[in-house]
């Protein structure tokens, strides 16, 4: 389906393979603020309306909403996705969420940061990059939501993309800057490069920018003739916790009347003439 948010509050889906079929209509509470985001390994999509919810829908078979999550604040930015039906987003109240698009929905983690988020995050490997409206760029672990950097990178106007372990941003003065993905430290700033329009590309190691003079620039790794697809690792398999086995009683432990046996017999390995 081609999914289209409507001004009536909902999502319409137009069949791509048979235009004679009628589109489906899914009504929800609120108007979509961004286009729906598809999971990279399924047909589940997620989006946030202007009413403080996030909806997740299954868009194959009989399309329908799987669940609705009530969020702490409106989710204005476009939601990011990762393998394992995981979706990531921040709210205008400063809360960052990671959810798994199961049938009933599951919140993997939620972290407060005290700064509003109006832009959508970017998933880079096992890192989540998210810029606040105060110009702070946070780097979080996608597994548990903990901060990877000792402090957020400041003076960030827009997140452009990544090449290897380098993060490219436009700072508040309009210049291009590069940040180390591992530490959050600024590597360099190039004042002569003033990108005006940016295509945020999360599919490959290519960055595209348009200057004020109308020049289109593409950045790539040195020596890389062809684009390299960006891969995000799947989440680690869930480990089922085994129930605790009954603890073995040490020698000389009190007699258990429910276990049977001789209450006057000494415990194995204990001194029958000892105290107790």
C-alpha atoms as a PDB file:
ATOM      1  CA  UNK A   1       0.000   0.000   0.000  1.00  0.00           C
ATOM      2  CA  UNK A   2       0.863   3.617  -0.441  1.00  0.00           C
ATOM      3  CA  UNK A   3       0.057   5.136   2.953  1.00  0.00           C
ATOM      4  CA  UNK A   4      -1.312   8.678   3.036  1.00  0.00           C
ATOM      5  CA  UNK A   5      -2.148  10.649   6.202  1.00  0.00           C
ATOM      6  CA  UNK A   6      -5.426  12.522   5.844  1.00  0.00           C
ATOM      7  CA  UNK A   7      -6.647  15.857   7.192  1.00  0.00           C
ATOM      8  CA  UNK A   8      -9.617  14.086   8.789  1.00  0.00           C
ATOM      9  CA  UNK A   9      -7.454  12.180  11.249  1.00  0.00           C
ATOM     10  CA  UNK A  10      -6.346   8.801  10.000  1.00  0.00           C
ATOM     11  CA  UNK A  11      -4.372   6.899   7.381  1.00  0.00           C
ATOM     12  CA  UNK A  12      -5.525   5.844   3.920  1.00  0.00           C
ATOM     13  CA  UNK A  13      -3.823   2.979   2.108  1.00  0.00           C
ATOM     14  CA  UNK A  14      -3.951   2.664  -1.673  1.00  0.00           C
ATOM     15  CA  UNK A  15      -3.142  -0.802  -3.126  1.00  0.00           C
ATOM     16  CA  UNK A  16       0.000  -0.622  -5.258  1.00  0.00           C
ATOM     17  CA  UNK A  17      -0.568  -3.829  -7.229  1.00  0.00           C
ATOM     18  CA  UNK A  18      -4.277  -3.411  -8.084  1.00  0.00           C
ATOM     19  CA  UNK A  19      -5.571   0.154  -8.512  1.00  0.00           C
ATOM     20  CA  UNK A  20      -9.126  -1.141  -8.983  1.00  0.00           C
ATOM     21  CA  UNK A  21      -9.353  -2.121  -5.311  1.00  0.00           C
ATOM     22  CA  UNK A  22     -10.801   0.359  -2.873  1.00  0.00           C
ATOM     23  CA  UNK A  23      -8.342   1.960  -0.448  1.00  0.00           C
ATOM     24  CA  UNK A  24      -8.640   1.160   3.237  1.00  0.00           C
ATOM     25  CA  UNK A  25      -9.194   3.857   5.822  1.00  0.00           C
ATOM     26  CA  UNK A  26      -7.988   3.681   9.413  1.00  0.00           C
ATOM     27  CA  UNK A  27      -9.317   6.419  11.685  1.00  0.00           C
ATOM     28  CA  UNK A  28      -7.218   7.491  14.656  1.00  0.00           C
ATOM     29  CA  UNK A  29      -7.328  10.229  17.276  1.00  0.00           C
ATOM     30  CA  UNK A  30      -5.456  13.205  15.843  1.00  0.00           C
ATOM     31  CA  UNK A  31      -3.736  14.432  12.702  1.00  0.00           C
ATOM     32  CA  UNK A  32      -0.429  12.872  11.663  1.00  0.00           C
ATOM     33  CA  UNK A  33       2.466  15.306  12.060  1.00  0.00           C
ATOM     34  CA  UNK A  34       4.919  13.288   9.940  1.00  0.00           C
ATOM     35  CA  UNK A  35       4.793  10.497   7.401  1.00  0.00           C
ATOM     36  CA  UNK A  36       4.496   6.976   8.830  1.00  0.00           C
ATOM     37  CA  UNK A  37       7.780   5.089   9.291  1.00  0.00           C
ATOM     38  CA  UNK A  38       8.028   1.476   8.154  1.00  0.00           C
ATOM     39  CA  UNK A  39       9.908  -1.210  10.037  1.00  0.00           C
ATOM     40  CA  UNK A  40      12.932  -2.403   7.986  1.00  0.00           C
ATOM     41  CA  UNK A  41      12.015  -6.080   8.325  1.00  0.00           C
ATOM     42  CA  UNK A  42       8.201  -6.165   8.412  1.00  0.00           C
ATOM     43  CA  UNK A  43       5.111  -4.324   7.148  1.00  0.00           C
ATOM     44  CA  UNK A  44       4.452  -2.558  10.443  1.00  0.00           C
ATOM     45  CA  UNK A  45       4.460   1.236  10.491  1.00  0.00           C
ATOM     46  CA  UNK A  46       4.405   3.877  13.230  1.00  0.00           C
ATOM     47  CA  UNK A  47       3.537   7.572  13.379  1.00  0.00           C
ATOM     48  CA  UNK A  48       2.642  10.242  15.921  1.00  0.00           C
ATOM     49  CA  UNK A  49      -0.443  12.489  15.695  1.00  0.00           C
ATOM     50  CA  UNK A  50      -0.960  15.856  17.377  1.00  0.00           C
ATOM     51  CA  UNK A  51      -2.780  14.357  20.362  1.00  0.00           C
ATOM     52  CA  UNK A  52       0.038  12.806  22.427  1.00  0.00           C
ATOM     53  CA  UNK A  53      -0.082   9.257  21.104  1.00  0.00           C
ATOM     54  CA  UNK A  54       1.992   6.996  18.891  1.00  0.00           C
ATOM     55  CA  UNK A  55       0.163   4.527  16.679  1.00  0.00           C
ATOM     56  CA  UNK A  56       1.568   1.290  15.269  1.00  0.00           C
ATOM     57  CA  UNK A  57      -0.273  -0.400  12.420  1.00  0.00           C
ATOM     58  CA  UNK A  58       0.079  -3.669  10.544  1.00  0.00           C
ATOM     59  CA  UNK A  59      -0.152  -2.715   6.854  1.00  0.00           C
ATOM     60  CA  UNK A  60      -0.423  -6.167   5.262  1.00  0.00           C
ATOM     61  CA  UNK A  61      -3.376  -8.519   4.926  1.00  0.00           C
ATOM     62  CA  UNK A  62      -6.229  -6.724   6.636  1.00  0.00           C
ATOM     63  CA  UNK A  63      -4.481  -3.498   7.702  1.00  0.00           C
ATOM     64  CA  UNK A  64      -5.368  -2.419  11.220  1.00  0.00           C
ATOM     65  CA  UNK A  65      -3.918  -0.572  14.213  1.00  0.00           C
ATOM     66  CA  UNK A  66      -2.029  -2.930  16.540  1.00  0.00           C
ATOM     67  CA  UNK A  67      -1.795  -0.604  19.528  1.00  0.00           C
ATOM     68  CA  UNK A  68      -1.711   2.999  20.666  1.00  0.00           C
ATOM     69  CA  UNK A  69       0.889   4.293  23.109  1.00  0.00           C
ATOM     70  CA  UNK A  70       0.184   7.313  25.291  1.00  0.00           C
ATOM     71  CA  UNK A  71       3.331   9.445  25.311  1.00  0.00           C
ATOM     72  CA  UNK A  72       4.560  12.134  27.671  1.00  0.00           C
ATOM     73  CA  UNK A  73       4.148  15.015  25.215  1.00  0.00           C
ATOM     74  CA  UNK A  74       3.450  15.199  21.488  1.00  0.00           C
ATOM     75  CA  UNK A  75       5.815  13.373  19.128  1.00  0.00           C
ATOM     76  CA  UNK A  76       6.498  15.975  16.420  1.00  0.00           C
ATOM     77  CA  UNK A  77       9.486  14.444  14.603  1.00  0.00           C
ATOM     78  CA  UNK A  78       9.362  11.523  12.257  1.00  0.00           C
ATOM     79  CA  UNK A  79       9.861   8.221  14.070  1.00  0.00           C
ATOM     80  CA  UNK A  80      13.049   6.208  13.416  1.00  0.00           C
ATOM     81  CA  UNK A  81      13.047   2.430  12.966  1.00  0.00           C
ATOM     82  CA  UNK A  82      15.507  -0.442  13.362  1.00  0.00           C
ATOM     83  CA  UNK A  83      15.489  -4.220  12.786  1.00  0.00           C
ATOM     84  CA  UNK A  84      13.427  -6.238  15.208  1.00  0.00           C
ATOM     85  CA  UNK A  85      10.305  -4.074  14.705  1.00  0.00           C
ATOM     86  CA  UNK A  86      11.836  -1.407  16.959  1.00  0.00           C
ATOM     87  CA  UNK A  87      10.816   2.241  16.786  1.00  0.00           C
ATOM     88  CA  UNK A  88      12.521   5.239  18.446  1.00  0.00           C
ATOM     89  CA  UNK A  89      11.219   8.772  19.045  1.00  0.00           C
ATOM     90  CA  UNK A  90      11.397  11.764  21.365  1.00  0.00           C
ATOM     91  CA  UNK A  91       8.562  13.941  22.635  1.00  0.00           C
ATOM     92  CA  UNK A  92       8.088  17.660  23.144  1.00  0.00           C
ATOM     93  CA  UNK A  93       8.256  17.043  26.907  1.00  0.00           C
ATOM     94  CA  UNK A  94      11.805  15.672  26.663  1.00  0.00           C
ATOM     95  CA  UNK A  95      11.010  11.959  26.935  1.00  0.00           C
ATOM     96  CA  UNK A  96      12.756   9.491  24.589  1.00  0.00           C
ATOM     97  CA  UNK A  97      11.162   6.113  23.889  1.00  0.00           C
ATOM     98  CA  UNK A  98      12.076   2.781  22.339  1.00  0.00           C
ATOM     99  CA  UNK A  99       9.170   0.442  21.589  1.00  0.00           C
ATOM    100  CA  UNK A 100       8.772  -2.964  19.995  1.00  0.00           C
ATOM    101  CA  UNK A 101       5.879  -3.376  17.578  1.00  0.00           C
ATOM    102  CA  UNK A 102       4.390  -6.551  19.008  1.00  0.00           C
ATOM    103  CA  UNK A 103       0.678  -7.263  18.906  1.00  0.00           C
ATOM    104  CA  UNK A 104       0.074  -5.460  22.198  1.00  0.00           C
ATOM    105  CA  UNK A 105       3.103  -3.185  22.056  1.00  0.00           C
ATOM    106  CA  UNK A 106       6.069  -3.197  24.398  1.00  0.00           C
ATOM    107  CA  UNK A 107       8.067  -0.259  25.737  1.00  0.00           C
ATOM    108  CA  UNK A 108      11.704  -1.367  25.660  1.00  0.00           C
ATOM    109  CA  UNK A 109      12.914   1.711  27.570  1.00  0.00           C
ATOM    110  CA  UNK A 110      12.064   5.326  28.246  1.00  0.00           C
ATOM    111  CA  UNK A 111      14.465   8.072  29.337  1.00  0.00           C
ATOM    112  CA  UNK A 112      13.755  11.696  30.413  1.00  0.00           C
ATOM    113  CA  UNK A 113      16.150  14.463  29.316  1.00  0.00           C
ATOM    114  CA  UNK A 114      14.385  17.699  30.253  1.00  0.00           C
ATOM    115  CA  UNK A 115      14.802  19.215  26.773  1.00  0.00           C
ATOM    116  CA  UNK A 116      12.042  19.175  24.141  1.00  0.00           C
ATOM    117  CA  UNK A 117      12.587  17.129  20.979  1.00  0.00           C
ATOM    118  CA  UNK A 118      10.943  18.334  17.778  1.00  0.00           C
ATOM    119  CA  UNK A 119      13.217  16.550  15.283  1.00  0.00           C
ATOM    120  CA  UNK A 120      13.202  12.884  14.465  1.00  0.00           C
ATOM    121  CA  UNK A 121      16.115  10.724  15.670  1.00  0.00           C
ATOM    122  CA  UNK A 122      18.628   8.805  13.555  1.00  0.00           C
ATOM    123  CA  UNK A 123      19.697   5.209  14.150  1.00  0.00           C
ATOM    124  CA  UNK A 124      23.391   4.535  13.408  1.00  0.00           C
ATOM    125  CA  UNK A 125      24.333   0.943  14.165  1.00  0.00           C
ATOM    126  CA  UNK A 126      23.572   0.469  17.856  1.00  0.00           C
ATOM    127  CA  UNK A 127      23.484   4.249  18.519  1.00  0.00           C
ATOM    128  CA  UNK A 128      20.547   6.633  18.551  1.00  0.00           C
ATOM    129  CA  UNK A 129      21.266  10.271  17.658  1.00  0.00           C
ATOM    130  CA  UNK A 130      18.690  12.853  18.686  1.00  0.00           C
ATOM    131  CA  UNK A 131      18.855  16.658  18.651  1.00  0.00           C
ATOM    132  CA  UNK A 132      16.910  18.743  21.154  1.00  0.00           C
ATOM    133  CA  UNK A 133      15.372  22.109  20.354  1.00  0.00           C
ATOM    134  CA  UNK A 134      18.099  23.711  22.515  1.00  0.00           C
ATOM    135  CA  UNK A 135      20.783  22.543  20.066  1.00  0.00           C
ATOM    136  CA  UNK A 136      22.016  19.583  22.134  1.00  0.00           C
ATOM    137  CA  UNK A 137      22.837  16.377  20.254  1.00  0.00           C
ATOM    138  CA  UNK A 138      22.428  13.232  22.359  1.00  0.00           C
ATOM    139  CA  UNK A 139      23.885   9.821  21.574  1.00  0.00           C
ATOM    140  CA  UNK A 140      22.081   6.915  23.254  1.00  0.00           C
ATOM    141  CA  UNK A 141      22.516   3.166  23.277  1.00  0.00           C
ATOM    142  CA  UNK A 142      19.610   1.626  21.363  1.00  0.00           C
ATOM    143  CA  UNK A 143      19.601  -1.344  23.743  1.00  0.00           C
ATOM    144  CA  UNK A 144      18.955   0.432  27.044  1.00  0.00           C
ATOM    145  CA  UNK A 145      18.714   4.165  26.308  1.00  0.00           C
ATOM    146  CA  UNK A 146      21.769   5.135  28.354  1.00  0.00           C
ATOM    147  CA  UNK A 147      23.959   8.013  27.164  1.00  0.00           C
ATOM    148  CA  UNK A 148      27.055   6.958  25.226  1.00  0.00           C
ATOM    149  CA  UNK A 149      28.775  10.361  25.467  1.00  0.00           C
ATOM    150  CA  UNK A 150      29.815  11.980  28.732  1.00  0.00           C
ATOM    151  CA  UNK A 151      27.855  15.080  27.711  1.00  0.00           C
ATOM    152  CA  UNK A 152      25.740  16.030  24.689  1.00  0.00           C
ATOM    153  CA  UNK A 153      27.321  17.901  21.804  1.00  0.00           C
ATOM    154  CA  UNK A 154      26.200  21.539  21.739  1.00  0.00           C
ATOM    155  CA  UNK A 155      25.681  24.191  19.061  1.00  0.00           C
ATOM    156  CA  UNK A 156      23.853  21.756  16.729  1.00  0.00           C
ATOM    157  CA  UNK A 157      21.272  23.202  14.345  1.00  0.00           C
ATOM    158  CA  UNK A 158      20.575  20.101  12.250  1.00  0.00           C
ATOM    159  CA  UNK A 159      21.772  16.521  12.069  1.00  0.00           C
ATOM    160  CA  UNK A 160      22.935  15.757   8.511  1.00  0.00           C
ATOM    161  CA  UNK A 161      24.199  12.168   8.610  1.00  0.00           C
ATOM    162  CA  UNK A 162      27.150   9.905   9.331  1.00  0.00           C
ATOM    163  CA  UNK A 163      30.118   8.482   7.454  1.00  0.00           C
ATOM    164  CA  UNK A 164      31.883   5.745   9.388  1.00  0.00           C
ATOM    165  CA  UNK A 165      32.340   6.951  12.955  1.00  0.00           C
ATOM    166  CA  UNK A 166      31.943  10.625  12.025  1.00  0.00           C
ATOM    167  CA  UNK A 167      28.718  12.586  12.522  1.00  0.00           C
ATOM    168  CA  UNK A 168      28.071  15.533  10.204  1.00  0.00           C
ATOM    169  CA  UNK A 169      25.954  18.407  11.491  1.00  0.00           C
ATOM    170  CA  UNK A 170      25.126  21.993  10.657  1.00  0.00           C
ATOM    171  CA  UNK A 171      25.910  24.217  13.623  1.00  0.00           C
ATOM    172  CA  UNK A 172      23.905  27.223  14.750  1.00  0.00           C
ATOM    173  CA  UNK A 173      26.013  29.585  12.610  1.00  0.00           C
ATOM    174  CA  UNK A 174      25.184  27.541   9.490  1.00  0.00           C
ATOM    175  CA  UNK A 175      28.634  25.967   9.006  1.00  0.00           C
ATOM    176  CA  UNK A 176      29.376  22.279   8.520  1.00  0.00           C
ATOM    177  CA  UNK A 177      30.883  20.525  11.561  1.00  0.00           C
ATOM    178  CA  UNK A 178      32.081  16.984  12.209  1.00  0.00           C
ATOM    179  CA  UNK A 179      31.672  15.149  15.534  1.00  0.00           C
ATOM    180  CA  UNK A 180      33.288  11.907  16.653  1.00  0.00           C
ATOM    181  CA  UNK A 181      30.573   9.258  17.014  1.00  0.00           C
ATOM    182  CA  UNK A 182      32.413   7.446  19.818  1.00  0.00           C
ATOM    183  CA  UNK A 183      33.217  10.403  22.088  1.00  0.00           C
ATOM    184  CA  UNK A 184      30.946  13.271  21.022  1.00  0.00           C
ATOM    185  CA  UNK A 185      33.954  15.578  20.638  1.00  0.00           C
ATOM    186  CA  UNK A 186      34.046  18.026  17.739  1.00  0.00           C
ATOM    187  CA  UNK A 187      36.647  17.058  15.133  1.00  0.00           C
ATOM    188  CA  UNK A 188      36.453  20.140  12.938  1.00  0.00           C
ATOM    189  CA  UNK A 189      34.302  22.961  11.577  1.00  0.00           C
ATOM    190  CA  UNK A 190      34.292  24.156   7.952  1.00  0.00           C
ATOM    191  CA  UNK A 191      32.971  27.701   7.783  1.00  0.00           C
ATOM    192  CA  UNK A 192      33.199  27.866   3.989  1.00  0.00           C
ATOM    193  CA  UNK A 193      30.638  25.046   3.677  1.00  0.00           C
ATOM    194  CA  UNK A 194      27.190  26.489   4.422  1.00  0.00           C
ATOM    195  CA  UNK A 195      24.548  23.847   3.629  1.00  0.00           C
ATOM    196  CA  UNK A 196      21.076  25.331   3.255  1.00  0.00           C
ATOM    197  CA  UNK A 197      19.031  22.320   2.243  1.00  0.00           C
ATOM    198  CA  UNK A 198      19.925  18.817   3.451  1.00  0.00           C
ATOM    199  CA  UNK A 199      18.837  15.337   2.481  1.00  0.00           C
ATOM    200  CA  UNK A 200      19.141  13.159   5.567  1.00  0.00           C
ATOM    201  CA  UNK A 201      20.312   9.861   4.125  1.00  0.00           C
ATOM    202  CA  UNK A 202      20.291   6.891   6.489  1.00  0.00           C
ATOM    203  CA  UNK A 203      20.487   4.202   3.778  1.00  0.00           C
ATOM    204  CA  UNK A 204      24.117   4.604   2.629  1.00  0.00           C
ATOM    205  CA  UNK A 205      27.401   6.337   3.506  1.00  0.00           C
ATOM    206  CA  UNK A 206      26.604   9.331   1.269  1.00  0.00           C
ATOM    207  CA  UNK A 207      25.712  12.853   2.444  1.00  0.00           C
ATOM    208  CA  UNK A 208      23.935  15.308   0.135  1.00  0.00           C
ATOM    209  CA  UNK A 209      23.810  19.084   0.664  1.00  0.00           C
ATOM    210  CA  UNK A 210      22.574  22.088  -1.309  1.00  0.00           C
ATOM    211  CA  UNK A 211      24.352  25.425  -0.869  1.00  0.00           C
ATOM    212  CA  UNK A 212      22.806  28.874  -1.004  1.00  0.00           C
ATOM    213  CA  UNK A 213      24.351  29.395  -4.455  1.00  0.00           C
ATOM    214  CA  UNK A 214      22.584  26.319  -5.811  1.00  0.00           C
ATOM    215  CA  UNK A 215      25.546  23.938  -5.762  1.00  0.00           C
ATOM    216  CA  UNK A 216      24.806  20.310  -4.871  1.00  0.00           C
ATOM    217  CA  UNK A 217      27.534  18.562  -2.911  1.00  0.00           C
ATOM    218  CA  UNK A 218      27.930  14.878  -2.103  1.00  0.00           C
ATOM    219  CA  UNK A 219      30.327  13.721   0.605  1.00  0.00           C
ATOM    220  CA  UNK A 220      31.681  10.162   0.642  1.00  0.00           C
ATOM    221  CA  UNK A 221      34.501   8.216   2.290  1.00  0.00           C
ATOM    222  CA  UNK A 222      37.884   8.633   0.590  1.00  0.00           C
ATOM    223  CA  UNK A 223      38.443   5.886  -1.968  1.00  0.00           C
ATOM    224  CA  UNK A 224      34.851   4.614  -1.843  1.00  0.00           C
ATOM    225  CA  UNK A 225      33.639   4.505  -5.442  1.00  0.00           C
ATOM    226  CA  UNK A 226      30.285   2.895  -4.711  1.00  0.00           C
ATOM    227  CA  UNK A 227      27.883   3.621  -1.838  1.00  0.00           C
ATOM    228  CA  UNK A 228      27.969   1.171   1.054  1.00  0.00           C
ATOM    229  CA  UNK A 229      24.556   0.313   2.517  1.00  0.00           C
ATOM    230  CA  UNK A 230      24.145   1.223   6.157  1.00  0.00           C
ATOM    231  CA  UNK A 231      23.479  -1.812   8.325  1.00  0.00           C
ATOM    232  CA  UNK A 232      21.858  -1.741  11.723  1.00  0.00           C
ATOM    233  CA  UNK A 233      22.348  -4.893  13.806  1.00  0.00           C
ATOM    234  CA  UNK A 234      19.236  -6.698  15.051  1.00  0.00           C
ATOM    235  CA  UNK A 235      18.520  -6.689  18.771  1.00  0.00           C
ATOM    236  CA  UNK A 236      20.148  -9.443  20.826  1.00  0.00           C
ATOM    237  CA  UNK A 237      17.875 -12.432  21.407  1.00  0.00           C
ATOM    238  CA  UNK A 238      15.860 -12.259  24.577  1.00  0.00           C
ATOM    239  CA  UNK A 239      17.217 -14.544  27.284  1.00  0.00           C
ATOM    240  CA  UNK A 240      14.514 -16.381  29.173  1.00  0.00           C
ATOM    241  CA  UNK A 241      15.101 -16.370  32.879  1.00  0.00           C
ATOM    242  CA  UNK A 242      15.135 -19.865  34.344  1.00  0.00           C
ATOM    243  CA  UNK A 243      13.285 -20.387  37.613  1.00  0.00           C
ATOM    244  CA  UNK A 244      15.533 -20.683  40.590  1.00  0.00           C
ATOM    245  CA  UNK A 245      16.236 -24.308  41.516  1.00  0.00           C
ATOM    246  CA  UNK A 246      15.588 -25.297  45.124  1.00  0.00           C
ATOM    247  CA  UNK A 247      18.646 -24.516  47.193  1.00  0.00           C
ATOM    248  CA  UNK A 248      20.471 -27.527  48.528  1.00  0.00           C
ATOM    249  CA  UNK A 249      20.453 -27.697  52.302  1.00  0.00           C
ATOM    250  CA  UNK A 250      23.876 -27.662  53.865  1.00  0.00           C
ATOM    251  CA  UNK A 251      24.965 -30.490  56.126  1.00  0.00           C
ATOM    252  CA  UNK A 252      23.545 -30.183  59.575  1.00  0.00           C
ATOM    253  CA  UNK A 253      20.520 -28.109  58.490  1.00  0.00           C
ATOM    254  CA  UNK A 254      17.274 -28.383  60.447  1.00  0.00           C
ATOM    255  CA  UNK A 255      15.034 -31.309  59.638  1.00  0.00           C
ATOM    256  CA  UNK A 256      12.184 -30.657  57.209  1.00  0.00           C
ATOM    257  CA  UNK A 257       9.098 -32.559  58.395  1.00  0.00           C
ATOM    258  CA  UNK A 258       7.553 -32.301  54.914  1.00  0.00           C
ATOM    259  CA  UNK A 259      10.469 -34.048  53.240  1.00  0.00           C
ATOM    260  CA  UNK A 260      10.078 -37.415  54.987  1.00  0.00           C
ATOM    261  CA  UNK A 261      12.852 -39.476  56.598  1.00  0.00           C
ATOM    262  CA  UNK A 262      14.119 -39.903  60.129  1.00  0.00           C
ATOM    263  CA  UNK A 263      14.011 -36.650  62.135  1.00  0.00           C
ATOM    264  CA  UNK A 264      16.648 -38.021  64.526  1.00  0.00           C
ATOM    265  CA  UNK A 265      19.122 -39.186  61.872  1.00  0.00           C
ATOM    266  CA  UNK A 266      22.240 -36.958  61.485  1.00  0.00           C
ATOM    267  CA  UNK A 267      22.656 -35.021  58.268  1.00  0.00           C
ATOM    268  CA  UNK A 268      24.999 -36.495  55.713  1.00  0.00           C
ATOM    269  CA  UNK A 269      28.592 -35.729  56.581  1.00  0.00           C
ATOM    270  CA  UNK A 270      27.746 -34.289  60.001  1.00  0.00           C
ATOM    271  CA  UNK A 271      29.055 -35.466  63.374  1.00  0.00           C
ATOM    272  CA  UNK A 272      26.233 -37.500  65.028  1.00  0.00           C
ATOM    273  CA  UNK A 273      27.689 -36.626  68.451  1.00  0.00           C
ATOM    274  CA  UNK A 274      28.205 -32.960  67.704  1.00  0.00           C
ATOM    275  CA  UNK A 275      26.189 -30.122  69.187  1.00  0.00           C
ATOM    276  CA  UNK A 276      22.783 -29.253  67.817  1.00  0.00           C
END
